[in-house]
Amino acid sequence: MNSIKHINNALKELDDEVQTILLNWDIPLNEKDNLMLPILQQKKVLMQTLEDLTYLKEHPPTPNQPCGISKFRED
């Protein structure tokens, strides 16, 4: 699935962005937190989407049936 590939690429880019912020000694710690919070929120959403797509890829729904992803999720 191309979408899984694109999500993995986006996750890597977000990780790189977080590392750049963490390694920048010119940014105060509280500002680093403020910069990283939206990035980490995006990462959480992408991780959940990736898990959902991976589940659906491994367990495709039968025709005219709900996908059942809500049963798979733990939260």
C-alpha atoms as a PDB file:
ATOM      1  CA  MET A   1       0.000   0.000   0.000  1.00  0.00           C
ATOM      2  CA  ASN A   2       1.339   3.386  -0.966  1.00  0.00           C
ATOM      3  CA  SER A   3      -0.353   5.044   1.997  1.00  0.00           C
ATOM      4  CA  ILE A   4       1.659   2.921   4.451  1.00  0.00           C
ATOM      5  CA  LYS A   5       4.863   3.921   2.668  1.00  0.00           C
ATOM      6  CA  HIS A   6       3.917   7.614   2.821  1.00  0.00           C
ATOM      7  CA  ILE A   7       3.020   7.407   6.507  1.00  0.00           C
ATOM      8  CA  ASN A   8       6.361   5.742   7.290  1.00  0.00           C
ATOM      9  CA  ASN A   9       8.143   8.534   5.403  1.00  0.00           C
ATOM     10  CA  ALA A  10       6.172  11.177   7.310  1.00  0.00           C
ATOM     11  CA  LEU A  11       7.010   9.506  10.634  1.00  0.00           C
ATOM     12  CA  LYS A  12      10.709   9.530   9.759  1.00  0.00           C
ATOM     13  CA  GLU A  13      10.525  13.224   8.859  1.00  0.00           C
ATOM     14  CA  LEU A  14       8.814  13.994  12.170  1.00  0.00           C
ATOM     15  CA  ASP A  15      11.495  12.032  14.049  1.00  0.00           C
ATOM     16  CA  ASP A  16      14.180  14.001  12.226  1.00  0.00           C
ATOM     17  CA  GLU A  17      12.452  17.257  13.110  1.00  0.00           C
ATOM     18  CA  VAL A  18      12.271  16.295  16.796  1.00  0.00           C
ATOM     19  CA  GLN A  19      15.964  15.365  16.771  1.00  0.00           C
ATOM     20  CA  THR A  20      16.838  18.715  15.207  1.00  0.00           C
ATOM     21  CA  ILE A  21      14.949  20.530  17.955  1.00  0.00           C
ATOM     22  CA  LEU A  22      16.492  18.403  20.714  1.00  0.00           C
ATOM     23  CA  LEU A  23      20.024  18.903  19.445  1.00  0.00           C
ATOM     24  CA  ASN A  24      19.688  22.683  19.104  1.00  0.00           C
ATOM     25  CA  TRP A  25      21.293  24.083  22.242  1.00  0.00           C
ATOM     26  CA  ASP A  26      20.137  27.631  21.427  1.00  0.00           C
ATOM     27  CA  ILE A  27      16.497  26.784  22.163  1.00  0.00           C
ATOM     28  CA  PRO A  28      15.427  26.883  25.842  1.00  0.00           C
ATOM     29  CA  LEU A  29      13.877  23.698  27.234  1.00  0.00           C
ATOM     30  CA  ASN A  30      10.382  25.121  27.666  1.00  0.00           C
ATOM     31  CA  GLU A  31      10.406  26.371  24.082  1.00  0.00           C
ATOM     32  CA  LYS A  32      11.558  22.930  22.902  1.00  0.00           C
ATOM     33  CA  ASP A  33       8.538  21.439  24.657  1.00  0.00           C
ATOM     34  CA  ASN A  34       6.249  23.917  22.929  1.00  0.00           C
ATOM     35  CA  LEU A  35       7.805  23.172  19.545  1.00  0.00           C
ATOM     36  CA  MET A  36       7.707  19.407  19.951  1.00  0.00           C
ATOM     37  CA  LEU A  37       4.171  19.037  21.324  1.00  0.00           C
ATOM     38  CA  PRO A  38       2.360  19.511  17.974  1.00  0.00           C
ATOM     39  CA  ILE A  39       4.916  17.292  16.247  1.00  0.00           C
ATOM     40  CA  LEU A  40       4.417  14.499  18.763  1.00  0.00           C
ATOM     41  CA  GLN A  41       0.634  14.855  18.465  1.00  0.00           C
ATOM     42  CA  GLN A  42       0.925  14.475  14.691  1.00  0.00           C
ATOM     43  CA  LYS A  43       3.150  11.468  15.208  1.00  0.00           C
ATOM     44  CA  LYS A  44       0.590   9.835  17.506  1.00  0.00           C
ATOM     45  CA  VAL A  45      -2.158  10.262  14.900  1.00  0.00           C
ATOM     46  CA  LEU A  46       0.075   8.894  12.147  1.00  0.00           C
ATOM     47  CA  MET A  47       1.067   5.900  14.283  1.00  0.00           C
ATOM     48  CA  GLN A  48      -2.588   5.049  14.935  1.00  0.00           C
ATOM     49  CA  THR A  49      -3.376   5.423  11.236  1.00  0.00           C
ATOM     50  CA  LEU A  50      -0.437   3.185  10.366  1.00  0.00           C
ATOM     51  CA  GLU A  51      -1.612   0.538  12.838  1.00  0.00           C
ATOM     52  CA  ASP A  52      -5.138   0.704  11.410  1.00  0.00           C
ATOM     53  CA  LEU A  53      -3.957   0.403   7.811  1.00  0.00           C
ATOM     54  CA  THR A  54      -1.604  -2.447   8.685  1.00  0.00           C
ATOM     55  CA  TYR A  55      -4.440  -4.279  10.418  1.00  0.00           C
ATOM     56  CA  LEU A  56      -6.745  -3.770   7.440  1.00  0.00           C
ATOM     57  CA  LYS A  57      -4.035  -4.930   5.060  1.00  0.00           C
ATOM     58  CA  GLU A  58      -3.510  -8.112   7.082  1.00  0.00           C
ATOM     59  CA  HIS A  59      -7.234  -8.639   7.771  1.00  0.00           C
ATOM     60  CA  PRO A  60      -9.206  -7.278   4.831  1.00  0.00           C
ATOM     61  CA  PRO A  61     -12.935  -6.986   5.490  1.00  0.00           C
ATOM     62  CA  THR A  62     -15.306  -9.260   3.656  1.00  0.00           C
ATOM     63  CA  PRO A  63     -17.726  -7.597   1.233  1.00  0.00           C
ATOM     64  CA  ASN A  64     -20.672  -5.839   2.895  1.00  0.00           C
ATOM     65  CA  GLN A  65     -19.137  -6.245   6.348  1.00  0.00           C
ATOM     66  CA  PRO A  66     -17.740  -3.540   8.653  1.00  0.00           C
ATOM     67  CA  CYS A  67     -13.966  -3.476   8.820  1.00  0.00           C
ATOM     68  CA  GLY A  68     -13.890  -4.283  12.557  1.00  0.00           C
ATOM     69  CA  ILE A  69     -11.018  -1.922  13.307  1.00  0.00           C
ATOM     70  CA  SER A  70     -12.752  -0.708  16.477  1.00  0.00           C
ATOM     71  CA  LYS A  71     -12.429  -4.222  17.922  1.00  0.00           C
ATOM     72  CA  PHE A  72      -8.695  -4.156  17.190  1.00  0.00           C
ATOM     73  CA  ARG A  73      -7.979  -0.840  18.916  1.00  0.00           C
ATOM     74  CA  GLU A  74      -7.115  -0.925  22.589  1.00  0.00           C
ATOM     75  CA  ASP A  75      -7.972   2.711  23.394  1.00  0.00           C
END
